[in-house]
Each structure stands twice: as structure tokens, then as C-alpha cells.
């Protein structure tokens, strides 16, 4: 009987940690309303555009760590992939729908990275997806100066690598299914960016402040 309560408690704690939205915390410390700037969204990209690299790094560290921590703890406590994935995913849901910030959050990328870092400690073969994801992400930013495009196609590239790894059962099927689902969720969170991309109106980077 204790197991369901422990798992439920882990999910709740993970969601609450995920709701500590790093971008909004940093922005509010700087007395900055990102809904009036750039893409008008509470995202790391918009914070980077509005303030600069240092504020962006602080926010990303918070958003990555808050998903890494509950996922890693879940790995230590539970040994079934589906339990770990369930707990970790709640931190991503908290990131995109933070209860502490009126359910206005980010677009799942940094929190997904934090959860994936923890899963990669558990299954080290997952690290092979990072070069593909990071390479596509950086290449598209350099070529197009559009971060949303790099984020979406970068995560898709990483997911394709993991799918290939799962063919010889190096990766549990639960993680492969989760990766597919989280990519769809990231793209759904970027639906406004996709609309602007199709219209040729998506924001591009120019100069970046430190």
C-alpha cells in the first residue's frame, strides 16, 4: 500500500519543483515583464533577448536542475523505467504549467534536458543522442538565427538517435515512447512559433548582450 502513496508523493514534489520556473524567477528579480517584450513569452530565449547571457544562464541552470533532481531521486528509489519517467515528466509539466506563476511557463526544452541528463546517468548509451541534438540546434541557430527552429529540430534529431538505439534494446521501450511523446509535447508548446515560421514572421536573433 505504501508504494502508490510514495509514487504519488514523488509526482507531486516533482510537479512543485518544476513549477519553480527559473525564467520567471530571474525576470521578477530584475522587475521585468517578458510578456511585453519580444515573443511575449516566459521562455529562456525571450529572457536572453531581453536581458542577456548571464540572466539566461541563471534561469537555465534552475530549469535544468529542477527536472534533473526529482528524476535522479526517482532512479535511486524506484527501478522501473515507467515510474522514473512518470515522476520526471511531472517536472516538465510543472515547467510548462507552473502553479506558482498562474500556469504560464516555458516550452519544455530546458526541463526536458534536465530530465534527460538524469536518465543518461542511468542508461549511459543515451548520451549518444546529445551530439545530434546539440549539433542540429547550434547549426540551425547559426544559419537561421531562429532559436525555436533549432529547439524543435534539435530535439527531433535526438529522438531519432534514441529510436535507432532502441532497435537493439539498448534503451528500454518506455524511454523510447517517452522521448517520442516529449518531442510531440515540445512541438505543441511551440505551436505559436510554428505559426510565425509558416508566416515568415518568427523572431530572429541580432546582437546578444552579456
Foldseek 3Di string as FASTA:
>chain_A
DVVVVVLVVLQVQLLQLLLPQLLVVLCVVVPHQLLVFDVNASELVSSQQPPFDVSSVRRLVSLLQSLQVSLLVQVVVDPDVVSSLSSSVSSLCCQCQPPVPNGGHYLSQSSVNSNLVSVCVVQVVLVVLVCQLVVQQVVCCVVPQFNLVSSLVSLVSSLVVVVVVPVVPSDPVVVNVSSVVSSVSSVVSCVVQVVCVVVVNGDGDDDTHD
